[in-house]
Amino acid sequence: VILAELLEEELSSPETVENIGRLQLYRGTVMRLPYLIWLFFLVFSCLLAGFSGGLKWFGVAATFAGSTFLVPLQLFRFLFTSEFRAMAETDLPLSAETFVSATAYTFSRVSFISLAFAFIGFSFLAAGIIIGKNAAQNRNFSE
């Protein structure tokens, strides 16, 4: 939406269309990269600490990463809402409503991702604890 407003006259040029297509490709690649990194860390932690231990370590790391990013983000969002509106009215070639809407969307999307990482991490931690207790009970039961 913002690109369309900024480049209204230039959208018909083939070079601009090609550049926007390239940006969309890069965006798609960059959006998938963190999931591959998290999968690598999950496999690596399971190899180092065993299955239940790896789930616990990964769960703690993901919960910590998600929550430590979410708290300052929400604080930043709360403190600087009026500054965003003032900046949109003076410094940018966009309408204030468009800028505030894009900023709100970005904050909500990043907040959701952080919250999802924290929740997924907590789920992995709980699964690691439950699997570890069941494995310990099965070992004690078989002895």
N, C-alpha and C. Protein backbone atom coordinates (compact mmCIF):
# COMPACT_ATOMS: atom_id res chain seq x y z
N VAL A 1 0.83 -1.19 0.00
CA VAL A 1 0.00 0.00 0.00
C VAL A 1 0.87 1.25 0.00
N ILE A 2 1.88 1.26 0.85
CA ILE A 2 2.75 2.43 0.94
C ILE A 2 3.56 2.58 -0.34
N LEU A 3 4.07 1.47 -0.86
CA LEU A 3 4.81 1.55 -2.13
C LEU A 3 3.91 2.06 -3.24
N ALA A 4 2.68 1.63 -3.25
CA ALA A 4 1.76 2.08 -4.29
C ALA A 4 1.51 3.58 -4.19
N GLU A 5 1.41 4.10 -2.96
CA GLU A 5 1.20 5.54 -2.80
C GLU A 5 2.44 6.33 -3.18
N LEU A 6 3.61 5.81 -2.84
CA LEU A 6 4.84 6.54 -3.13
C LEU A 6 5.22 6.49 -4.60
N LEU A 7 4.86 5.41 -5.28
CA LEU A 7 5.31 5.22 -6.66
C LEU A 7 4.16 5.20 -7.66
N GLU A 8 3.11 5.94 -7.40
CA GLU A 8 1.93 5.89 -8.27
C GLU A 8 2.26 6.15 -9.73
N GLU A 9 3.09 7.14 -10.01
CA GLU A 9 3.39 7.46 -11.40
C GLU A 9 4.35 6.46 -12.02
N GLU A 10 5.19 5.84 -11.23
CA GLU A 10 6.26 4.99 -11.74
C GLU A 10 5.89 3.52 -11.83
N LEU A 11 4.70 3.12 -11.40
CA LEU A 11 4.35 1.71 -11.36
C LEU A 11 4.31 1.05 -12.73
N SER A 12 4.08 1.81 -13.77
CA SER A 12 4.00 1.20 -15.10
C SER A 12 5.37 0.92 -15.70
N SER A 13 6.42 1.45 -15.12
CA SER A 13 7.75 1.22 -15.67
C SER A 13 8.19 -0.22 -15.39
N PRO A 14 8.75 -0.91 -16.37
CA PRO A 14 9.16 -2.31 -16.18
C PRO A 14 10.24 -2.46 -15.12
N GLU A 15 11.10 -1.48 -15.00
CA GLU A 15 12.17 -1.56 -14.00
C GLU A 15 11.60 -1.53 -12.58
N THR A 16 10.60 -0.71 -12.35
CA THR A 16 9.97 -0.63 -11.03
C THR A 16 9.24 -1.92 -10.70
N VAL A 17 8.53 -2.47 -11.66
CA VAL A 17 7.82 -3.73 -11.45
C VAL A 17 8.81 -4.85 -11.15
N GLU A 18 9.93 -4.87 -11.85
CA GLU A 18 10.97 -5.87 -11.61
C GLU A 18 11.56 -5.72 -10.21
N ASN A 19 11.82 -4.48 -9.79
CA ASN A 19 12.37 -4.24 -8.45
C ASN A 19 11.39 -4.63 -7.35
N ILE A 20 10.12 -4.36 -7.55
CA ILE A 20 9.11 -4.75 -6.55
C ILE A 20 9.01 -6.26 -6.49
N GLY A 21 9.08 -6.94 -7.62
CA GLY A 21 9.09 -8.40 -7.62
C GLY A 21 10.29 -8.97 -6.90
N ARG A 22 11.45 -8.36 -7.09
CA ARG A 22 12.66 -8.79 -6.40
C ARG A 22 12.53 -8.57 -4.89
N LEU A 23 11.96 -7.44 -4.49
CA LEU A 23 11.75 -7.17 -3.07
C LEU A 23 10.80 -8.18 -2.45
N GLN A 24 9.77 -8.58 -3.17
CA GLN A 24 8.84 -9.58 -2.66
C GLN A 24 9.53 -10.94 -2.51
N LEU A 25 10.41 -11.28 -3.44
CA LEU A 25 11.17 -12.52 -3.33
C LEU A 25 12.08 -12.49 -2.12
N TYR A 26 12.79 -11.39 -1.92
CA TYR A 26 13.67 -11.26 -0.75
C TYR A 26 12.86 -11.32 0.54
N ARG A 27 11.71 -10.68 0.55
CA ARG A 27 10.87 -10.70 1.75
C ARG A 27 10.43 -12.12 2.07
N GLY A 28 10.03 -12.87 1.06
CA GLY A 28 9.62 -14.26 1.28
C GLY A 28 10.76 -15.11 1.81
N THR A 29 11.96 -14.89 1.29
CA THR A 29 13.12 -15.64 1.76
C THR A 29 13.46 -15.27 3.19
N VAL A 30 13.48 -13.99 3.49
CA VAL A 30 13.84 -13.54 4.83
C VAL A 30 12.80 -13.95 5.86
N MET A 31 11.53 -14.04 5.45
CA MET A 31 10.50 -14.45 6.40
C MET A 31 10.62 -15.93 6.77
N ARG A 32 11.16 -16.75 5.90
CA ARG A 32 11.30 -18.18 6.20
C ARG A 32 12.61 -18.51 6.91
N LEU A 33 13.58 -17.67 6.80
CA LEU A 33 14.90 -17.93 7.37
C LEU A 33 14.89 -18.13 8.89
N PRO A 34 14.18 -17.33 9.68
CA PRO A 34 14.19 -17.58 11.13
C PRO A 34 13.65 -18.95 11.51
N TYR A 35 12.67 -19.46 10.77
CA TYR A 35 12.13 -20.78 11.09
C TYR A 35 13.16 -21.87 10.83
N LEU A 36 13.95 -21.72 9.79
CA LEU A 36 15.02 -22.68 9.54
C LEU A 36 16.08 -22.62 10.64
N ILE A 37 16.39 -21.42 11.10
CA ILE A 37 17.37 -21.27 12.18
C ILE A 37 16.84 -21.89 13.47
N TRP A 38 15.57 -21.64 13.79
CA TRP A 38 14.99 -22.24 15.00
C TRP A 38 14.95 -23.77 14.88
N LEU A 39 14.64 -24.30 13.70
CA LEU A 39 14.64 -25.75 13.51
C LEU A 39 16.04 -26.31 13.72
N PHE A 40 17.06 -25.63 13.21
CA PHE A 40 18.44 -26.05 13.43
C PHE A 40 18.77 -26.08 14.92
N PHE A 41 18.39 -25.04 15.65
CA PHE A 41 18.66 -25.01 17.09
C PHE A 41 17.89 -26.09 17.84
N LEU A 42 16.68 -26.40 17.41
CA LEU A 42 15.92 -27.47 18.04
C LEU A 42 16.61 -28.81 17.85
N VAL A 43 17.02 -29.10 16.63
CA VAL A 43 17.72 -30.36 16.36
C VAL A 43 19.04 -30.41 17.10
N PHE A 44 19.78 -29.31 17.10
CA PHE A 44 21.07 -29.25 17.78
C PHE A 44 20.92 -29.45 19.28
N SER A 45 19.93 -28.82 19.89
CA SER A 45 19.74 -28.99 21.33
C SER A 45 19.27 -30.40 21.67
N CYS A 46 18.47 -31.01 20.80
CA CYS A 46 18.06 -32.40 21.04
C CYS A 46 19.24 -33.36 20.90
N LEU A 47 20.15 -33.07 19.99
CA LEU A 47 21.34 -33.92 19.85
C LEU A 47 22.26 -33.78 21.06
N LEU A 48 22.38 -32.59 21.60
CA LEU A 48 23.28 -32.37 22.73
C LEU A 48 22.70 -32.84 24.06
N ALA A 49 21.41 -32.62 24.29
CA ALA A 49 20.83 -32.87 25.61
C ALA A 49 19.82 -34.01 25.63
N GLY A 50 19.71 -34.76 24.57
CA GLY A 50 18.68 -35.78 24.52
C GLY A 50 17.36 -35.15 24.10
N PHE A 51 16.38 -36.00 23.84
CA PHE A 51 15.12 -35.48 23.30
C PHE A 51 14.39 -34.59 24.29
N SER A 52 14.12 -35.09 25.50
CA SER A 52 13.37 -34.27 26.46
C SER A 52 14.19 -33.08 26.94
N GLY A 53 15.49 -33.28 27.15
CA GLY A 53 16.35 -32.16 27.55
C GLY A 53 16.45 -31.11 26.47
N GLY A 54 16.52 -31.54 25.22
CA GLY A 54 16.58 -30.61 24.10
C GLY A 54 15.30 -29.80 23.97
N LEU A 55 14.15 -30.47 24.20
CA LEU A 55 12.89 -29.74 24.17
C LEU A 55 12.84 -28.69 25.27
N LYS A 56 13.35 -29.05 26.45
CA LYS A 56 13.37 -28.09 27.56
C LYS A 56 14.26 -26.89 27.24
N TRP A 57 15.47 -27.16 26.77
CA TRP A 57 16.39 -26.07 26.45
C TRP A 57 15.83 -25.17 25.35
N PHE A 58 15.32 -25.80 24.32
CA PHE A 58 14.74 -25.02 23.22
C PHE A 58 13.53 -24.23 23.70
N GLY A 59 12.70 -24.84 24.53
CA GLY A 59 11.53 -24.15 25.05
C GLY A 59 11.89 -22.94 25.88
N VAL A 60 12.89 -23.08 26.74
CA VAL A 60 13.33 -21.95 27.56
C VAL A 60 13.89 -20.84 26.66
N ALA A 61 14.69 -21.21 25.68
CA ALA A 61 15.29 -20.21 24.78
C ALA A 61 14.22 -19.47 23.98
N ALA A 62 13.26 -20.20 23.44
CA ALA A 62 12.21 -19.56 22.64
C ALA A 62 11.30 -18.69 23.50
N THR A 63 10.97 -19.16 24.70
CA THR A 63 10.14 -18.36 25.60
C THR A 63 10.87 -17.08 26.00
N PHE A 64 12.14 -17.21 26.32
CA PHE A 64 12.93 -16.04 26.71
C PHE A 64 13.05 -15.06 25.54
N ALA A 65 13.33 -15.57 24.35
CA ALA A 65 13.48 -14.69 23.18
C ALA A 65 12.17 -13.97 22.87
N GLY A 66 11.08 -14.69 22.87
CA GLY A 66 9.79 -14.06 22.57
C GLY A 66 9.37 -13.04 23.60
N SER A 67 9.53 -13.38 24.87
CA SER A 67 9.06 -12.46 25.92
C SER A 67 9.98 -11.26 26.07
N THR A 68 11.29 -11.43 25.93
CA THR A 68 12.18 -10.28 26.06
C THR A 68 12.06 -9.33 24.88
N PHE A 69 11.56 -9.79 23.76
CA PHE A 69 11.31 -8.89 22.64
C PHE A 69 9.94 -8.24 22.76
N LEU A 70 8.97 -8.97 23.30
CA LEU A 70 7.61 -8.47 23.39
C LEU A 70 7.46 -7.34 24.41
N VAL A 71 8.10 -7.46 25.56
CA VAL A 71 7.94 -6.45 26.61
C VAL A 71 8.45 -5.07 26.17
N PRO A 72 9.69 -4.94 25.68
CA PRO A 72 10.11 -3.60 25.23
C PRO A 72 9.32 -3.09 24.02
N LEU A 73 8.88 -4.00 23.18
CA LEU A 73 8.09 -3.59 22.02
C LEU A 73 6.79 -2.95 22.45
N GLN A 74 6.11 -3.56 23.41
CA GLN A 74 4.87 -2.99 23.90
C GLN A 74 5.11 -1.67 24.62
N LEU A 75 6.19 -1.58 25.36
CA LEU A 75 6.54 -0.34 26.04
C LEU A 75 6.82 0.77 25.01
N PHE A 76 7.58 0.43 23.98
CA PHE A 76 7.90 1.39 22.92
C PHE A 76 6.62 1.84 22.22
N ARG A 77 5.75 0.91 21.95
CA ARG A 77 4.49 1.23 21.28
C ARG A 77 3.64 2.16 22.13
N PHE A 78 3.59 1.91 23.42
CA PHE A 78 2.79 2.72 24.33
C PHE A 78 3.37 4.13 24.47
N LEU A 79 4.70 4.23 24.57
CA LEU A 79 5.33 5.52 24.83
C LEU A 79 5.38 6.44 23.61
N PHE A 80 5.49 5.87 22.43
CA PHE A 80 5.76 6.70 21.26
C PHE A 80 4.61 6.81 20.27
N THR A 81 3.40 6.49 20.67
CA THR A 81 2.26 6.58 19.76
C THR A 81 2.03 8.02 19.31
N SER A 82 2.09 8.97 20.23
CA SER A 82 1.87 10.37 19.85
C SER A 82 3.01 10.90 18.99
N GLU A 83 4.25 10.43 19.24
CA GLU A 83 5.37 10.86 18.42
C GLU A 83 5.25 10.35 16.99
N PHE A 84 4.73 9.13 16.82
CA PHE A 84 4.52 8.60 15.47
C PHE A 84 3.53 9.48 14.71
N ARG A 85 2.46 9.87 15.37
CA ARG A 85 1.45 10.71 14.71
C ARG A 85 2.04 12.07 14.34
N ALA A 86 2.82 12.67 15.25
CA ALA A 86 3.44 13.97 14.96
C ALA A 86 4.44 13.86 13.81
N MET A 87 5.22 12.77 13.79
CA MET A 87 6.19 12.58 12.71
C MET A 87 5.47 12.39 11.38
N ALA A 88 4.37 11.66 11.39
CA ALA A 88 3.63 11.43 10.16
C ALA A 88 3.05 12.72 9.60
N GLU A 89 2.70 13.64 10.46
CA GLU A 89 2.09 14.89 9.99
C GLU A 89 3.12 15.88 9.45
N THR A 90 4.39 15.72 9.81
CA THR A 90 5.37 16.72 9.40
C THR A 90 6.42 16.21 8.43
N ASP A 91 6.95 15.02 8.63
CA ASP A 91 8.17 14.61 7.94
C ASP A 91 7.97 13.72 6.72
N LEU A 92 6.86 13.04 6.61
CA LEU A 92 6.73 12.02 5.57
C LEU A 92 5.81 12.46 4.44
N PRO A 93 6.06 11.95 3.23
CA PRO A 93 5.19 12.29 2.11
C PRO A 93 3.91 11.48 2.08
N LEU A 94 3.55 10.81 3.18
CA LEU A 94 2.34 10.02 3.26
C LEU A 94 1.30 10.76 4.08
N SER A 95 0.07 10.33 3.95
CA SER A 95 -0.96 10.89 4.83
C SER A 95 -0.75 10.32 6.23
N ALA A 96 -1.16 11.07 7.23
CA ALA A 96 -0.97 10.65 8.62
C ALA A 96 -1.72 9.36 8.91
N GLU A 97 -2.91 9.21 8.34
CA GLU A 97 -3.69 8.00 8.58
C GLU A 97 -2.99 6.77 8.02
N THR A 98 -2.40 6.90 6.84
CA THR A 98 -1.69 5.78 6.23
C THR A 98 -0.49 5.39 7.07
N PHE A 99 0.27 6.38 7.52
CA PHE A 99 1.46 6.09 8.32
C PHE A 99 1.08 5.45 9.65
N VAL A 100 0.09 6.00 10.33
CA VAL A 100 -0.33 5.45 11.62
C VAL A 100 -0.89 4.05 11.43
N SER A 101 -1.64 3.83 10.37
CA SER A 101 -2.18 2.50 10.08
C SER A 101 -1.07 1.50 9.80
N ALA A 102 -0.08 1.89 9.00
CA ALA A 102 1.04 1.00 8.69
C ALA A 102 1.86 0.71 9.94
N THR A 103 2.07 1.72 10.77
CA THR A 103 2.82 1.52 12.01
C THR A 103 2.07 0.60 12.96
N ALA A 104 0.76 0.79 13.09
CA ALA A 104 -0.04 -0.07 13.96
C ALA A 104 -0.03 -1.51 13.45
N TYR A 105 -0.14 -1.68 12.14
CA TYR A 105 -0.09 -3.03 11.57
C TYR A 105 1.26 -3.69 11.85
N THR A 106 2.34 -2.94 11.66
CA THR A 106 3.67 -3.49 11.89
C THR A 106 3.85 -3.88 13.34
N PHE A 107 3.45 -3.02 14.25
CA PHE A 107 3.57 -3.35 15.67
C PHE A 107 2.72 -4.56 16.04
N SER A 108 1.51 -4.64 15.52
CA SER A 108 0.66 -5.78 15.86
C SER A 108 1.22 -7.07 15.28
N ARG A 109 1.77 -7.01 14.09
CA ARG A 109 2.35 -8.21 13.47
C ARG A 109 3.58 -8.69 14.23
N VAL A 110 4.47 -7.77 14.56
CA VAL A 110 5.68 -8.13 15.30
C VAL A 110 5.32 -8.60 16.71
N SER A 111 4.33 -7.98 17.32
CA SER A 111 3.88 -8.42 18.65
C SER A 111 3.32 -9.84 18.58
N PHE A 112 2.55 -10.12 17.54
CA PHE A 112 2.00 -11.47 17.39
C PHE A 112 3.11 -12.50 17.22
N ILE A 113 4.11 -12.18 16.42
CA ILE A 113 5.22 -13.10 16.21
C ILE A 113 5.96 -13.35 17.52
N SER A 114 6.21 -12.30 18.29
CA SER A 114 6.89 -12.45 19.58
C SER A 114 6.06 -13.29 20.54
N LEU A 115 4.77 -13.02 20.59
CA LEU A 115 3.89 -13.78 21.47
C LEU A 115 3.81 -15.24 21.03
N ALA A 116 3.79 -15.47 19.73
CA ALA A 116 3.76 -16.84 19.22
C ALA A 116 5.05 -17.58 19.59
N PHE A 117 6.21 -16.92 19.46
CA PHE A 117 7.46 -17.56 19.85
C PHE A 117 7.45 -17.90 21.33
N ALA A 118 6.97 -16.99 22.17
CA ALA A 118 6.92 -17.26 23.61
C ALA A 118 5.98 -18.42 23.91
N PHE A 119 4.82 -18.45 23.27
CA PHE A 119 3.86 -19.53 23.50
C PHE A 119 4.39 -20.86 22.99
N ILE A 120 4.98 -20.86 21.81
CA ILE A 120 5.54 -22.10 21.27
C ILE A 120 6.69 -22.59 22.14
N GLY A 121 7.52 -21.66 22.62
CA GLY A 121 8.60 -22.04 23.52
C GLY A 121 8.08 -22.65 24.80
N PHE A 122 7.03 -22.05 25.37
CA PHE A 122 6.44 -22.61 26.58
C PHE A 122 5.86 -23.99 26.32
N SER A 123 5.28 -24.18 25.14
CA SER A 123 4.74 -25.50 24.78
C SER A 123 5.85 -26.54 24.67
N PHE A 124 6.98 -26.16 24.07
CA PHE A 124 8.11 -27.09 23.98
C PHE A 124 8.67 -27.40 25.37
N LEU A 125 8.73 -26.40 26.23
CA LEU A 125 9.20 -26.61 27.60
C LEU A 125 8.28 -27.57 28.34
N ALA A 126 6.98 -27.37 28.24
CA ALA A 126 6.02 -28.26 28.89
C ALA A 126 6.11 -29.68 28.32
N ALA A 127 6.26 -29.79 27.01
CA ALA A 127 6.39 -31.12 26.39
C ALA A 127 7.66 -31.80 26.87
N GLY A 128 8.76 -31.07 26.97
CA GLY A 128 10.01 -31.65 27.47
C GLY A 128 9.89 -32.13 28.90
N ILE A 129 9.20 -31.36 29.74
CA ILE A 129 9.02 -31.77 31.14
C ILE A 129 8.15 -33.02 31.22
N ILE A 130 7.05 -33.04 30.48
CA ILE A 130 6.14 -34.19 30.51
C ILE A 130 6.82 -35.43 29.95
N ILE A 131 7.51 -35.31 28.84
CA ILE A 131 8.21 -36.46 28.25
C ILE A 131 9.31 -36.94 29.18
N GLY A 132 10.04 -36.01 29.79
CA GLY A 132 11.10 -36.39 30.72
C GLY A 132 10.56 -37.13 31.93
N LYS A 133 9.44 -36.68 32.50
CA LYS A 133 8.84 -37.36 33.65
C LYS A 133 8.32 -38.74 33.26
N ASN A 134 7.69 -38.83 32.09
CA ASN A 134 7.19 -40.14 31.64
C ASN A 134 8.34 -41.11 31.39
N ALA A 135 9.43 -40.62 30.82
CA ALA A 135 10.59 -41.49 30.58
C ALA A 135 11.20 -41.94 31.90
N ALA A 136 11.26 -41.05 32.89
CA ALA A 136 11.80 -41.42 34.20
C ALA A 136 10.90 -42.43 34.89
N GLN A 137 9.59 -42.26 34.80
CA GLN A 137 8.67 -43.21 35.40
C GLN A 137 8.76 -44.57 34.71
N ASN A 138 8.92 -44.59 33.40
CA ASN A 138 9.05 -45.85 32.68
C ASN A 138 10.34 -46.56 33.05
N ARG A 139 11.43 -45.80 33.27
CA ARG A 139 12.68 -46.41 33.70
C ARG A 139 12.55 -47.00 35.10
N ASN A 140 11.91 -46.27 36.00
CA ASN A 140 11.72 -46.75 37.37
C ASN A 140 10.76 -47.92 37.40
N PHE A 141 9.78 -47.92 36.53
CA PHE A 141 8.80 -48.98 36.48
C PHE A 141 9.41 -50.28 35.96
N SER A 142 10.33 -50.17 35.01
CA SER A 142 10.95 -51.36 34.42
C SER A 142 12.03 -51.94 35.32
N GLU A 143 12.55 -51.14 36.24
CA GLU A 143 13.59 -51.65 37.15
C GLU A 143 12.93 -52.38 38.23
